[in-house]
């Protein structure tokens, strides 16, 4: 489901060959992670601070920022709320 949402946001065609889709899917994880890091640093928060605000472990925050984790929509909503943003504003990258 999240992939379909991501396709709508960044217009990823579902007809791409499997290998190409994986590359595009990884790109969105990296972009999302960079957005989280950018917002966190803009608030002058450490990863531990964001972990406290979201209820996630600090290492999970780091993995997201490096594009190593694929989040659920529920977790994206938690991040948006932690930054005081809507989901659509969080996904503007």
N, C-alpha and C. Protein backbone atom coordinates (compact mmCIF):
# COMPACT_ATOMS: atom_id res chain seq x y z
N UNK A 1 0.81 -1.18 0.00
CA UNK A 1 0.00 0.00 0.00
C UNK A 1 0.86 1.26 0.00
N UNK A 2 1.90 1.28 0.84
CA UNK A 2 2.77 2.46 0.89
C UNK A 2 3.42 2.71 -0.47
N UNK A 3 3.78 1.63 -1.15
CA UNK A 3 4.39 1.80 -2.47
C UNK A 3 3.41 2.48 -3.42
N UNK A 4 2.14 2.10 -3.35
CA UNK A 4 1.14 2.75 -4.21
C UNK A 4 1.00 4.21 -3.86
N UNK A 5 1.03 4.55 -2.57
CA UNK A 5 0.99 5.96 -2.16
C UNK A 5 2.21 6.68 -2.69
N UNK A 6 3.38 6.06 -2.56
CA UNK A 6 4.61 6.67 -3.05
C UNK A 6 4.56 6.85 -4.56
N UNK A 7 3.99 5.89 -5.27
CA UNK A 7 3.87 6.02 -6.72
C UNK A 7 3.05 7.25 -7.08
N UNK A 8 1.99 7.48 -6.33
CA UNK A 8 1.15 8.64 -6.59
C UNK A 8 1.90 9.94 -6.34
N UNK A 9 2.71 9.95 -5.28
CA UNK A 9 3.42 11.17 -4.90
C UNK A 9 4.54 11.49 -5.88
N UNK A 10 5.33 10.49 -6.24
CA UNK A 10 6.47 10.76 -7.11
C UNK A 10 6.27 10.23 -8.53
N UNK A 11 5.05 9.73 -8.82
CA UNK A 11 4.70 9.27 -10.15
C UNK A 11 5.62 8.15 -10.64
N UNK A 12 5.74 7.08 -9.84
CA UNK A 12 6.52 5.92 -10.24
C UNK A 12 5.62 5.01 -11.08
N UNK A 13 5.95 4.82 -12.33
CA UNK A 13 5.11 3.94 -13.15
C UNK A 13 5.22 2.50 -12.67
N UNK A 14 4.09 1.82 -12.53
CA UNK A 14 4.12 0.44 -12.07
C UNK A 14 4.56 -0.51 -13.17
N UNK A 15 4.73 0.00 -14.38
CA UNK A 15 5.14 -0.85 -15.50
C UNK A 15 6.66 -0.91 -15.68
N UNK A 16 7.40 -0.26 -14.78
CA UNK A 16 8.86 -0.34 -14.88
C UNK A 16 9.32 -1.77 -14.66
N UNK A 17 10.41 -2.18 -15.32
CA UNK A 17 10.97 -3.51 -15.05
C UNK A 17 11.32 -3.64 -13.57
N UNK A 18 11.26 -4.83 -13.04
CA UNK A 18 11.46 -5.08 -11.60
C UNK A 18 12.76 -4.46 -11.09
N UNK A 19 13.87 -4.63 -11.76
CA UNK A 19 15.15 -4.07 -11.30
C UNK A 19 15.13 -2.55 -11.24
N UNK A 20 14.52 -1.93 -12.20
CA UNK A 20 14.41 -0.47 -12.25
C UNK A 20 13.49 0.03 -11.13
N UNK A 21 12.39 -0.71 -10.86
CA UNK A 21 11.48 -0.34 -9.79
C UNK A 21 12.19 -0.37 -8.44
N UNK A 22 13.02 -1.37 -8.21
CA UNK A 22 13.75 -1.47 -6.94
C UNK A 22 14.64 -0.26 -6.75
N UNK A 23 15.28 0.19 -7.82
CA UNK A 23 16.15 1.36 -7.74
C UNK A 23 15.34 2.61 -7.39
N UNK A 24 14.19 2.76 -8.04
CA UNK A 24 13.33 3.91 -7.80
C UNK A 24 12.77 3.85 -6.38
N UNK A 25 12.38 2.65 -5.94
CA UNK A 25 11.86 2.49 -4.58
C UNK A 25 12.93 2.84 -3.55
N UNK A 26 14.17 2.46 -3.79
CA UNK A 26 15.27 2.80 -2.88
C UNK A 26 15.48 4.31 -2.86
N UNK A 27 15.38 4.94 -4.02
CA UNK A 27 15.54 6.40 -4.10
C UNK A 27 14.55 7.12 -3.20
N UNK A 28 13.30 6.67 -3.18
CA UNK A 28 12.30 7.36 -2.35
C UNK A 28 12.60 7.17 -0.87
N UNK A 29 13.16 6.02 -0.50
CA UNK A 29 13.54 5.80 0.90
C UNK A 29 14.66 6.74 1.30
N UNK A 30 15.61 6.94 0.41
CA UNK A 30 16.72 7.86 0.68
C UNK A 30 16.20 9.29 0.75
N UNK A 31 15.31 9.67 -0.15
CA UNK A 31 14.75 11.03 -0.13
C UNK A 31 13.95 11.26 1.15
N UNK A 32 13.16 10.27 1.55
CA UNK A 32 12.38 10.41 2.77
C UNK A 32 13.30 10.52 3.98
N UNK A 33 14.32 9.69 4.03
CA UNK A 33 15.28 9.73 5.14
C UNK A 33 16.00 11.07 5.21
N UNK A 34 16.36 11.61 4.06
CA UNK A 34 17.01 12.92 4.03
C UNK A 34 16.07 14.00 4.53
N UNK A 35 14.79 13.88 4.19
CA UNK A 35 13.79 14.84 4.66
C UNK A 35 13.66 14.79 6.18
N UNK A 36 13.64 13.59 6.73
CA UNK A 36 13.56 13.44 8.19
C UNK A 36 14.78 14.06 8.85
N UNK A 37 15.97 13.77 8.31
CA UNK A 37 17.20 14.33 8.86
C UNK A 37 17.19 15.87 8.78
N UNK A 38 16.77 16.39 7.62
CA UNK A 38 16.71 17.84 7.42
C UNK A 38 15.78 18.49 8.45
N UNK A 39 14.61 17.91 8.64
CA UNK A 39 13.66 18.47 9.61
C UNK A 39 14.20 18.36 11.04
N UNK A 40 14.79 17.21 11.35
CA UNK A 40 15.34 17.00 12.69
C UNK A 40 16.44 18.02 12.98
N UNK A 41 17.34 18.21 12.06
CA UNK A 41 18.43 19.16 12.26
C UNK A 41 17.91 20.59 12.30
N UNK A 42 16.88 20.87 11.52
CA UNK A 42 16.27 22.19 11.54
C UNK A 42 15.66 22.53 12.89
N UNK A 43 15.20 21.50 13.58
CA UNK A 43 14.65 21.69 14.93
C UNK A 43 15.76 21.64 15.99
N UNK A 44 17.00 21.39 15.53
CA UNK A 44 18.16 21.25 16.41
C UNK A 44 17.96 20.11 17.41
N UNK A 45 17.40 19.00 16.90
CA UNK A 45 17.17 17.81 17.70
C UNK A 45 18.25 16.78 17.39
N UNK A 46 18.62 16.01 18.41
CA UNK A 46 19.45 14.83 18.22
C UNK A 46 18.52 13.69 17.82
N UNK A 47 19.09 12.60 17.32
CA UNK A 47 18.27 11.42 17.01
C UNK A 47 17.55 10.94 18.26
N UNK A 48 18.19 11.04 19.41
CA UNK A 48 17.56 10.63 20.67
C UNK A 48 16.32 11.46 20.97
N UNK A 49 16.38 12.76 20.66
CA UNK A 49 15.24 13.64 20.89
C UNK A 49 14.07 13.22 20.01
N UNK A 50 14.34 12.97 18.73
CA UNK A 50 13.28 12.53 17.82
C UNK A 50 12.76 11.16 18.25
N UNK A 51 13.63 10.31 18.72
CA UNK A 51 13.20 9.00 19.21
C UNK A 51 12.24 9.15 20.38
N UNK A 52 12.54 10.05 21.29
CA UNK A 52 11.64 10.30 22.42
C UNK A 52 10.28 10.82 21.95
N UNK A 53 10.28 11.69 20.97
CA UNK A 53 9.04 12.31 20.48
C UNK A 53 8.18 11.31 19.70
N UNK A 54 8.81 10.39 19.00
CA UNK A 54 8.07 9.43 18.17
C UNK A 54 7.79 8.11 18.90
N UNK A 55 8.60 7.79 19.88
CA UNK A 55 8.47 6.49 20.55
C UNK A 55 9.25 5.40 19.84
N UNK A 56 10.01 5.76 18.81
CA UNK A 56 10.84 4.79 18.09
C UNK A 56 12.24 4.76 18.70
N UNK A 57 12.96 3.69 18.46
CA UNK A 57 14.33 3.57 18.96
C UNK A 57 15.26 4.46 18.14
N UNK A 58 16.29 4.97 18.77
CA UNK A 58 17.26 5.84 18.10
C UNK A 58 17.88 5.17 16.88
N UNK A 59 18.17 3.88 16.98
CA UNK A 59 18.79 3.20 15.84
C UNK A 59 17.82 3.09 14.66
N UNK A 60 16.54 2.98 14.96
CA UNK A 60 15.52 2.95 13.90
C UNK A 60 15.48 4.31 13.19
N UNK A 61 15.59 5.38 13.94
CA UNK A 61 15.64 6.73 13.35
C UNK A 61 16.83 6.82 12.39
N UNK A 62 17.99 6.35 12.83
CA UNK A 62 19.19 6.37 11.98
C UNK A 62 19.01 5.56 10.72
N UNK A 63 18.37 4.40 10.84
CA UNK A 63 18.15 3.54 9.67
C UNK A 63 17.20 4.22 8.68
N UNK A 64 16.20 4.92 9.20
CA UNK A 64 15.28 5.66 8.32
C UNK A 64 16.03 6.78 7.62
N UNK A 65 16.83 7.52 8.36
CA UNK A 65 17.57 8.64 7.77
C UNK A 65 18.55 8.18 6.70
N UNK A 66 19.04 6.96 6.80
CA UNK A 66 19.96 6.42 5.79
C UNK A 66 19.22 5.72 4.65
N UNK A 67 17.90 5.68 4.71
CA UNK A 67 17.11 5.03 3.65
C UNK A 67 17.13 3.53 3.72
N UNK A 68 17.35 2.98 4.90
CA UNK A 68 17.46 1.53 5.07
C UNK A 68 16.15 0.88 5.50
N UNK A 69 15.14 1.67 5.85
CA UNK A 69 13.87 1.12 6.32
C UNK A 69 12.72 1.64 5.47
N UNK A 70 11.77 0.78 5.22
CA UNK A 70 10.56 1.15 4.50
C UNK A 70 9.45 1.29 5.54
N UNK A 71 8.98 2.50 5.75
CA UNK A 71 8.02 2.78 6.81
C UNK A 71 6.60 2.46 6.41
N UNK A 72 5.79 2.19 7.43
CA UNK A 72 4.35 2.05 7.21
C UNK A 72 3.75 3.45 7.21
N UNK A 73 2.54 3.54 6.70
CA UNK A 73 1.84 4.81 6.69
C UNK A 73 1.60 5.32 8.11
N UNK A 74 1.37 4.39 9.02
CA UNK A 74 1.15 4.74 10.41
C UNK A 74 2.39 5.42 11.00
N UNK A 75 3.56 4.90 10.69
CA UNK A 75 4.81 5.50 11.19
C UNK A 75 5.10 6.83 10.52
N UNK A 76 4.74 6.97 9.25
CA UNK A 76 4.90 8.26 8.57
C UNK A 76 4.03 9.31 9.26
N UNK A 77 2.82 8.91 9.64
CA UNK A 77 1.93 9.83 10.35
C UNK A 77 2.53 10.24 11.70
N UNK A 78 3.17 9.32 12.39
CA UNK A 78 3.81 9.63 13.68
C UNK A 78 4.93 10.65 13.48
N UNK A 79 5.73 10.48 12.44
CA UNK A 79 6.79 11.45 12.14
C UNK A 79 6.19 12.82 11.83
N UNK A 80 5.17 12.85 10.99
CA UNK A 80 4.53 14.12 10.62
C UNK A 80 4.03 14.82 11.88
N UNK A 81 3.36 14.11 12.73
CA UNK A 81 2.83 14.68 13.97
C UNK A 81 3.95 15.20 14.86
N UNK A 82 5.04 14.47 14.94
CA UNK A 82 6.18 14.87 15.78
C UNK A 82 6.78 16.20 15.32
N UNK A 83 6.74 16.44 14.02
CA UNK A 83 7.27 17.70 13.48
C UNK A 83 6.19 18.77 13.36
N UNK A 84 4.95 18.44 13.71
CA UNK A 84 3.86 19.40 13.59
C UNK A 84 3.44 19.65 12.16
N UNK A 85 3.57 18.61 11.33
CA UNK A 85 3.25 18.73 9.90
C UNK A 85 2.13 17.78 9.52
N UNK A 86 1.51 18.04 8.38
CA UNK A 86 0.60 17.06 7.79
C UNK A 86 1.47 16.03 7.06
N UNK A 87 0.88 14.91 6.74
CA UNK A 87 1.63 13.90 5.98
C UNK A 87 2.05 14.47 4.63
N UNK A 88 1.17 15.20 3.98
CA UNK A 88 1.53 15.75 2.66
C UNK A 88 2.69 16.75 2.77
N UNK A 89 2.71 17.54 3.83
CA UNK A 89 3.84 18.48 4.01
C UNK A 89 5.13 17.71 4.32
N UNK A 90 5.03 16.64 5.09
CA UNK A 90 6.22 15.84 5.39
C UNK A 90 6.81 15.24 4.12
N UNK A 91 5.93 14.87 3.19
CA UNK A 91 6.39 14.20 1.97
C UNK A 91 6.77 15.17 0.84
N UNK A 92 6.91 16.43 1.14
CA UNK A 92 7.36 17.40 0.14
C UNK A 92 8.88 17.44 0.13
N UNK A 93 9.45 16.64 -0.77
CA UNK A 93 10.91 16.63 -0.91
C UNK A 93 11.30 16.56 -2.36
